[in-house]
C-alpha atoms as a PDB file:
ATOM      1  CA  MET A   1     131.203 100.596 106.552  1.00  0.00           C
ATOM      2  CA  LYS A   2     129.873 100.666 103.007  1.00  0.00           C
ATOM      3  CA  LEU A   3     127.605  98.110 101.385  1.00  0.00           C
ATOM      4  CA  SER A   4     129.917  98.144  98.382  1.00  0.00           C
ATOM      5  CA  ASP A   5     132.744  96.959 100.675  1.00  0.00           C
ATOM      6  CA  LEU A   6     130.778  93.839 101.647  1.00  0.00           C
ATOM      7  CA  LYS A   7     130.429  90.605  99.760  1.00  0.00           C
ATOM      8  CA  ILE A   8     126.780  90.130  98.836  1.00  0.00           C
ATOM      9  CA  VAL A   9     124.659  86.998  98.618  1.00  0.00           C
ATOM     10  CA  LEU A  10     121.419  87.635  96.746  1.00  0.00           C
ATOM     11  CA  ALA A  11     118.906  85.074  98.008  1.00  0.00           C
ATOM     12  CA  SER A  12     116.700  85.365  94.943  1.00  0.00           C
ATOM     13  CA  GLY A  13     116.502  83.895  91.462  1.00  0.00           C
ATOM     14  CA  SER A  14     115.008  87.094  90.051  1.00  0.00           C
ATOM     15  CA  PRO A  15     117.048  88.374  87.094  1.00  0.00           C
ATOM     16  CA  ARG A  16     115.514  91.794  87.634  1.00  0.00           C
ATOM     17  CA  ARG A  17     116.870  92.092  91.187  1.00  0.00           C
ATOM     18  CA  LEU A  18     120.298  90.931  90.045  1.00  0.00           C
ATOM     19  CA  GLU A  19     120.340  93.490  87.228  1.00  0.00           C
ATOM     20  CA  MET A  20     119.348  96.272  89.615  1.00  0.00           C
ATOM     21  CA  LEU A  21     122.226  95.495  91.983  1.00  0.00           C
ATOM     22  CA  GLU A  22     124.684  95.130  89.103  1.00  0.00           C
ATOM     23  CA  ARG A  23     123.659  98.556  87.804  1.00  0.00           C
ATOM     24  CA  GLU A  24     124.757  99.898  91.204  1.00  0.00           C
ATOM     25  CA  GLY A  25     128.211  98.435  90.580  1.00  0.00           C
ATOM     26  CA  LEU A  26     127.699  95.456  92.902  1.00  0.00           C
ATOM     27  CA  GLU A  27     128.583  91.835  92.093  1.00  0.00           C
ATOM     28  CA  PRO A  28     126.329  89.597  94.196  1.00  0.00           C
ATOM     29  CA  TYR A  29     126.576  85.846  94.426  1.00  0.00           C
ATOM     30  CA  VAL A  30     123.143  84.467  93.501  1.00  0.00           C
ATOM     31  CA  MET A  31     121.642  81.774  95.722  1.00  0.00           C
ATOM     32  CA  ARG A  32     118.248  80.722  94.424  1.00  0.00           C
ATOM     33  CA  THR A  33     116.058  79.700  97.326  1.00  0.00           C
ATOM     34  CA  GLY A  34     113.661  76.794  97.171  1.00  0.00           C
ATOM     35  CA  CYS A  35     111.399  77.725 100.055  1.00  0.00           C
ATOM     36  CA  SER A  36     107.648  77.928  99.647  1.00  0.00           C
ATOM     37  CA  GLU A  37     106.179  81.220  98.449  1.00  0.00           C
ATOM     38  CA  ASP A  38     102.709  80.432  99.743  1.00  0.00           C
ATOM     39  CA  ILE A  39     100.853  83.615 100.535  1.00  0.00           C
ATOM     40  CA  HIS A  40      99.364  83.977 104.006  1.00  0.00           C
ATOM     41  CA  LEU A  41      96.231  85.983 103.352  1.00  0.00           C
ATOM     42  CA  ASP A  42      95.650  86.665 107.040  1.00  0.00           C
ATOM     43  CA  LEU A  43      98.906  88.608 107.337  1.00  0.00           C
ATOM     44  CA  GLY A  44      98.055  91.399 104.910  1.00  0.00           C
ATOM     45  CA  PRO A  45     100.376  92.519 102.108  1.00  0.00           C
ATOM     46  CA  ALA A  46     103.092  94.261 104.131  1.00  0.00           C
ATOM     47  CA  ARG A  47     103.616  91.453 106.637  1.00  0.00           C
ATOM     48  CA  THR A  48     103.288  88.858 103.864  1.00  0.00           C
ATOM     49  CA  VAL A  49     106.184  90.230 101.816  1.00  0.00           C
ATOM     50  CA  MET A  50     108.332  90.680 104.918  1.00  0.00           C
ATOM     51  CA  ALA A  51     107.580  87.118 106.047  1.00  0.00           C
ATOM     52  CA  LEU A  52     108.495  85.735 102.636  1.00  0.00           C
ATOM     53  CA  ALA A  53     111.682  87.809 102.427  1.00  0.00           C
ATOM     54  CA  LEU A  54     112.639  86.605 105.913  1.00  0.00           C
ATOM     55  CA  ARG A  55     111.941  82.986 104.961  1.00  0.00           C
ATOM     56  CA  LYS A  56     114.203  83.236 101.921  1.00  0.00           C
ATOM     57  CA  GLY A  57     116.971  84.939 103.860  1.00  0.00           C
ATOM     58  CA  LEU A  58     116.949  82.388 106.664  1.00  0.00           C
ATOM     59  CA  GLU A  59     117.098  79.523 104.183  1.00  0.00           C
ATOM     60  CA  ALA A  60     120.136  81.109 102.530  1.00  0.00           C
ATOM     61  CA  GLU A  61     121.756  81.618 105.944  1.00  0.00           C
ATOM     62  CA  GLN A  62     121.261  77.931 106.807  1.00  0.00           C
ATOM     63  CA  ARG A  63     122.680  76.775 103.475  1.00  0.00           C
ATOM     64  CA  ILE A  64     125.738  78.992 103.860  1.00  0.00           C
ATOM     65  CA  ALA A  65     126.295  77.671 107.390  1.00  0.00           C
ATOM     66  CA  ALA A  66     126.178  74.151 105.918  1.00  0.00           C
ATOM     67  CA  GLY A  67     128.991  75.009 103.509  1.00  0.00           C
ATOM     68  CA  GLU A  68     127.180  76.171 100.385  1.00  0.00           C
ATOM     69  CA  GLY A  69     128.352  79.209  98.455  1.00  0.00           C
ATOM     70  CA  PRO A  70     131.733  80.683  97.518  1.00  0.00           C
ATOM     71  CA  GLU A  71     134.683  80.349  99.853  1.00  0.00           C
ATOM     72  CA  TYR A  72     135.114  84.101 100.220  1.00  0.00           C
ATOM     73  CA  ILE A  73     131.991  84.374 102.381  1.00  0.00           C
ATOM     74  CA  ARG A  74     133.627  82.181 105.000  1.00  0.00           C
ATOM     75  CA  ASP A  75     136.870  84.120 105.438  1.00  0.00           C
ATOM     76  CA  GLY A  76     135.683  85.854 108.606  1.00  0.00           C
ATOM     77  CA  ARG A  77     134.827  89.219 107.087  1.00  0.00           C
ATOM     78  CA  PRO A  78     131.275  90.604 107.242  1.00  0.00           C
ATOM     79  CA  PHE A  79     128.997  89.916 104.307  1.00  0.00           C
ATOM     80  CA  VAL A  80     125.330  90.583 103.649  1.00  0.00           C
ATOM     81  CA  ILE A  81     122.497  88.314 102.587  1.00  0.00           C
ATOM     82  CA  ILE A  82     119.816  90.218 100.673  1.00  0.00           C
ATOM     83  CA  SER A  83     116.424  88.591 100.203  1.00  0.00           C
ATOM     84  CA  ALA A  84     113.198  90.115  98.919  1.00  0.00           C
ATOM     85  CA  ASP A  85     109.677  89.338  97.846  1.00  0.00           C
ATOM     86  CA  THR A  86     107.076  91.337  95.932  1.00  0.00           C
ATOM     87  CA  VAL A  87     103.299  91.096  95.648  1.00  0.00           C
ATOM     88  CA  VAL A  88     100.528  93.103  94.052  1.00  0.00           C
ATOM     89  CA  TYR A  89      97.564  94.077  96.238  1.00  0.00           C
ATOM     90  CA  LYS A  90      94.141  95.383  95.254  1.00  0.00           C
ATOM     91  CA  ASP A  91      90.857  95.669  97.136  1.00  0.00           C
ATOM     92  CA  GLY A  92      91.850  93.245  99.877  1.00  0.00           C
ATOM     93  CA  LYS A  93      93.320  90.619  97.512  1.00  0.00           C
ATOM     94  CA  ILE A  94      96.983  89.647  97.205  1.00  0.00           C
ATOM     95  CA  TYR A  95      98.268  88.720  93.751  1.00  0.00           C
ATOM     96  CA  GLY A  96     101.413  86.634  93.498  1.00  0.00           C
ATOM     97  CA  LYS A  97     102.775  84.993  90.360  1.00  0.00           C
ATOM     98  CA  PRO A  98     100.064  83.496  88.122  1.00  0.00           C
ATOM     99  CA  ALA A  99      99.905  79.709  88.036  1.00  0.00           C
ATOM    100  CA  ASP A 100      98.800  79.596  84.394  1.00  0.00           C
ATOM    101  CA  GLU A 101      97.637  81.780  81.506  1.00  0.00           C
ATOM    102  CA  GLU A 102      94.032  81.748  82.676  1.00  0.00           C
ATOM    103  CA  GLU A 103      94.985  83.106  86.076  1.00  0.00           C
ATOM    104  CA  ALA A 104      97.310  85.679  84.498  1.00  0.00           C
ATOM    105  CA  LEU A 105      94.492  86.975  82.295  1.00  0.00           C
ATOM    106  CA  ALA A 106      92.112  87.162  85.270  1.00  0.00           C
ATOM    107  CA  MET A 107      94.681  89.108  87.305  1.00  0.00           C
ATOM    108  CA  LEU A 108      95.310  91.625  84.564  1.00  0.00           C
ATOM    109  CA  ARG A 109      91.609  92.163  83.952  1.00  0.00           C
ATOM    110  CA  ASP A 110      91.259  92.944  87.661  1.00  0.00           C
ATOM    111  CA  LEU A 111      94.071  95.501  87.489  1.00  0.00           C
ATOM    112  CA  SER A 112      92.899  97.175  84.287  1.00  0.00           C
ATOM    113  CA  GLY A 113      91.461 100.672  84.657  1.00  0.00           C
ATOM    114  CA  ASP A 114      92.127 100.974  88.375  1.00  0.00           C
ATOM    115  CA  VAL A 115      94.769 101.570  91.033  1.00  0.00           C
ATOM    116  CA  HIS A 116      96.609  98.841  92.936  1.00  0.00           C
ATOM    117  CA  GLN A 117      99.536  98.653  95.326  1.00  0.00           C
ATOM    118  CA  VAL A 118     102.892  96.936  94.933  1.00  0.00           C
ATOM    119  CA  TYR A 119     104.554  95.811  98.168  1.00  0.00           C
ATOM    120  CA  SER A 120     108.163  94.614  98.355  1.00  0.00           C
ATOM    121  CA  GLY A 121     109.601  93.145 101.538  1.00  0.00           C
ATOM    122  CA  VAL A 122     113.371  93.106 102.127  1.00  0.00           C
ATOM    123  CA  PHE A 123     115.541  91.299 104.664  1.00  0.00           C
ATOM    124  CA  LEU A 124     119.160  92.438 105.056  1.00  0.00           C
ATOM    125  CA  ASN A 125     121.158  90.011 107.184  1.00  0.00           C
ATOM    126  CA  ILE A 126     124.617  91.470 107.713  1.00  0.00           C
ATOM    127  CA  LYS A 127     126.687  88.532 108.873  1.00  0.00           C
ATOM    128  CA  GLY A 128     129.571  89.305 111.186  1.00  0.00           C
ATOM    129  CA  THR A 129     127.556  92.090 112.811  1.00  0.00           C
ATOM    130  CA  ALA A 130     124.383  92.171 114.900  1.00  0.00           C
ATOM    131  CA  LYS A 131     122.452  93.951 112.161  1.00  0.00           C
ATOM    132  CA  LYS A 132     119.354  92.224 110.775  1.00  0.00           C
ATOM    133  CA  LEU A 133     116.982  94.597 109.001  1.00  0.00           C
ATOM    134  CA  LEU A 134     113.456  93.674 107.881  1.00  0.00           C
ATOM    135  CA  PHE A 135     111.226  96.237 106.180  1.00  0.00           C
ATOM    136  CA  TYR A 136     108.950  96.902 103.210  1.00  0.00           C
ATOM    137  CA  ASP A 137     108.069  99.569 100.685  1.00  0.00           C
ATOM    138  CA  ARG A 138     104.783 100.366  98.921  1.00  0.00           C
ATOM    139  CA  THR A 139     103.973 102.023  95.599  1.00  0.00           C
ATOM    140  CA  ASP A 140     100.552 102.875  94.179  1.00  0.00           C
ATOM    141  CA  VAL A 141     100.230 101.967  90.487  1.00  0.00           C
ATOM    142  CA  PHE A 142      97.499 103.480  88.297  1.00  0.00           C
ATOM    143  CA  VAL A 143      96.630 101.360  85.249  1.00  0.00           C
ATOM    144  CA  LYS A 144      94.829 102.551  82.146  1.00  0.00           C
ATOM    145  CA  GLU A 145      91.857 100.644  80.775  1.00  0.00           C
ATOM    146  CA  VAL A 146      93.363  97.806  78.737  1.00  0.00           C
ATOM    147  CA  GLY A 147      91.503  96.085  75.914  1.00  0.00           C
ATOM    148  CA  GLY A 148      90.805  92.360  76.032  1.00  0.00           C
ATOM    149  CA  GLY A 149      92.593  91.688  72.758  1.00  0.00           C
ATOM    150  CA  TRP A 150      95.766  93.372  73.956  1.00  0.00           C
ATOM    151  CA  LEU A 151      95.656  91.443  77.219  1.00  0.00           C
ATOM    152  CA  ALA A 152      95.140  88.116  75.420  1.00  0.00           C
ATOM    153  CA  SER A 153      98.174  88.756  73.191  1.00  0.00           C
ATOM    154  CA  TYR A 154     100.258  89.820  76.150  1.00  0.00           C
ATOM    155  CA  VAL A 155      99.409  86.699  78.122  1.00  0.00           C
ATOM    156  CA  ALA A 156     100.094  84.503  75.076  1.00  0.00           C
ATOM    157  CA  SER A 157     103.598  86.006  74.883  1.00  0.00           C
ATOM    158  CA  GLY A 158     104.457  84.308  78.182  1.00  0.00           C
ATOM    159  CA  GLU A 159     105.801  87.509  79.743  1.00  0.00           C
ATOM    160  CA  PRO A 160     103.390  87.575  82.721  1.00  0.00           C
ATOM    161  CA  MET A 161     104.141  84.113  84.025  1.00  0.00           C
ATOM    162  CA  ASP A 162     106.973  84.760  86.507  1.00  0.00           C
ATOM    163  CA  LYS A 163     105.819  88.148  87.734  1.00  0.00           C
ATOM    164  CA  ALA A 164     103.680  89.170  90.692  1.00  0.00           C
ATOM    165  CA  GLY A 165     100.362  90.436  89.387  1.00  0.00           C
ATOM    166  CA  GLY A 166     101.229  89.179  85.915  1.00  0.00           C
ATOM    167  CA  TYR A 167     103.239  92.159  84.711  1.00  0.00           C
ATOM    168  CA  ALA A 168     106.534  94.020  84.872  1.00  0.00           C
ATOM    169  CA  ILE A 169     106.407  97.801  84.771  1.00  0.00           C
ATOM    170  CA  GLN A 170     109.676  97.872  82.814  1.00  0.00           C
ATOM    171  CA  GLY A 171     108.333  95.355  80.255  1.00  0.00           C
ATOM    172  CA  SER A 172     105.812  95.681  77.462  1.00  0.00           C
ATOM    173  CA  PHE A 173     102.953  96.143  79.947  1.00  0.00           C
ATOM    174  CA  GLY A 174     104.504  99.463  80.950  1.00  0.00           C
ATOM    175  CA  VAL A 175     102.632 101.292  78.173  1.00  0.00           C
ATOM    176  CA  ASN A 176      99.447 100.670  80.151  1.00  0.00           C
ATOM    177  CA  ILE A 177     100.680 102.385  83.318  1.00  0.00           C
ATOM    178  CA  ASP A 178      99.206 105.861  83.638  1.00  0.00           C
ATOM    179  CA  HIS A 179     101.350 106.921  86.583  1.00  0.00           C
ATOM    180  CA  ILE A 180     102.682 105.751  89.940  1.00  0.00           C
ATOM    181  CA  GLU A 181     102.876 107.264  93.410  1.00  0.00           C
ATOM    182  CA  GLY A 182     105.949 106.000  95.196  1.00  0.00           C
ATOM    183  CA  ALA A 183     109.231 104.446  94.129  1.00  0.00           C
ATOM    184  CA  TYR A 184     109.599 102.960  90.639  1.00  0.00           C
ATOM    185  CA  ASP A 185     112.315 100.527  91.710  1.00  0.00           C
ATOM    186  CA  ASN A 186     109.923  99.048  94.257  1.00  0.00           C
ATOM    187  CA  VAL A 187     107.550  98.078  91.450  1.00  0.00           C
ATOM    188  CA  VAL A 188     110.433  96.436  89.591  1.00  0.00           C
ATOM    189  CA  GLY A 189     110.986  94.300  92.686  1.00  0.00           C
ATOM    190  CA  LEU A 190     113.781  95.756  94.818  1.00  0.00           C
ATOM    191  CA  PRO A 191     113.268  99.100  96.592  1.00  0.00           C
ATOM    192  CA  LEU A 192     116.819 100.373  96.316  1.00  0.00           C
ATOM    193  CA  GLU A 193     116.117 103.861  97.635  1.00  0.00           C
ATOM    194  CA  LYS A 194     114.433 102.410 100.723  1.00  0.00           C
ATOM    195  CA  ILE A 195     117.348  99.994 101.173  1.00  0.00           C
ATOM    196  CA  LYS A 196     119.790 102.929 101.073  1.00  0.00           C
ATOM    197  CA  ALA A 197     117.752 104.851 103.643  1.00  0.00           C
ATOM    198  CA  VAL A 198     117.515 101.866 106.014  1.00  0.00           C
ATOM    199  CA  LEU A 199     121.236 101.175 105.732  1.00  0.00           C
ATOM    200  CA  GLY A 200     121.959 104.823 106.477  1.00  0.00           C
ATOM    201  CA  SER A 201     119.910 104.565 109.662  1.00  0.00           C
ATOM    202  CA  VAL A 202     122.356 101.961 111.006  1.00  0.00           C
ATOM    203  CA  SER A 203     125.476 103.839 109.847  1.00  0.00           C
ATOM    204  CA  ILE A 204     126.138 101.764 106.727  1.00  0.00           C
ATOM    205  CA  SER A 205     126.824 103.918 103.695  1.00  0.00           C
ATOM    206  CA  PRO A 206     124.865 102.747 100.651  1.00  0.00           C
ATOM    207  CA  PHE A 207     126.813 101.432  97.689  1.00  0.00           C
END
């Protein structure tokens, strides 16, 4: 079985995750989930992102069972629900999406001139089989010292507002990244290489 042979439901409203899958030649149906993204600080970053990815995937599964989504996912053939969540972690603190510009600026000041970790959790629910795969990936991100004026202009642009930690490595903030240790795609928000490896472990050929 190949992932590219399966119909895909992407349980995420992230345009970045959709673009990443489309670049692999896949055509997922997007189901934006409305479940809470509250962060459970007692879980730690790895279990937090897996819990949130699982929550999104289960909501999508329930909505599909209730009749939502395209007809082709109810024709009896296997299909896969992909859900994911990403957070930034530094010095014992989890950073989700900033609530406002003030919080975005505070986050970015914390990240400036230091190293932090990006965790992405993924839940692959392959309907029509017994395969349900929950896992995470981690990347260390080293940020240059960023001036206050640059940060203020960046926050005013509105770019940080829908991104964990207030930035996207592939966006304009990328000039401030010195280097990373780990997978780039994980920082973008969907660890494709890890997904391929996990699928391979259960005899599903990636893409």
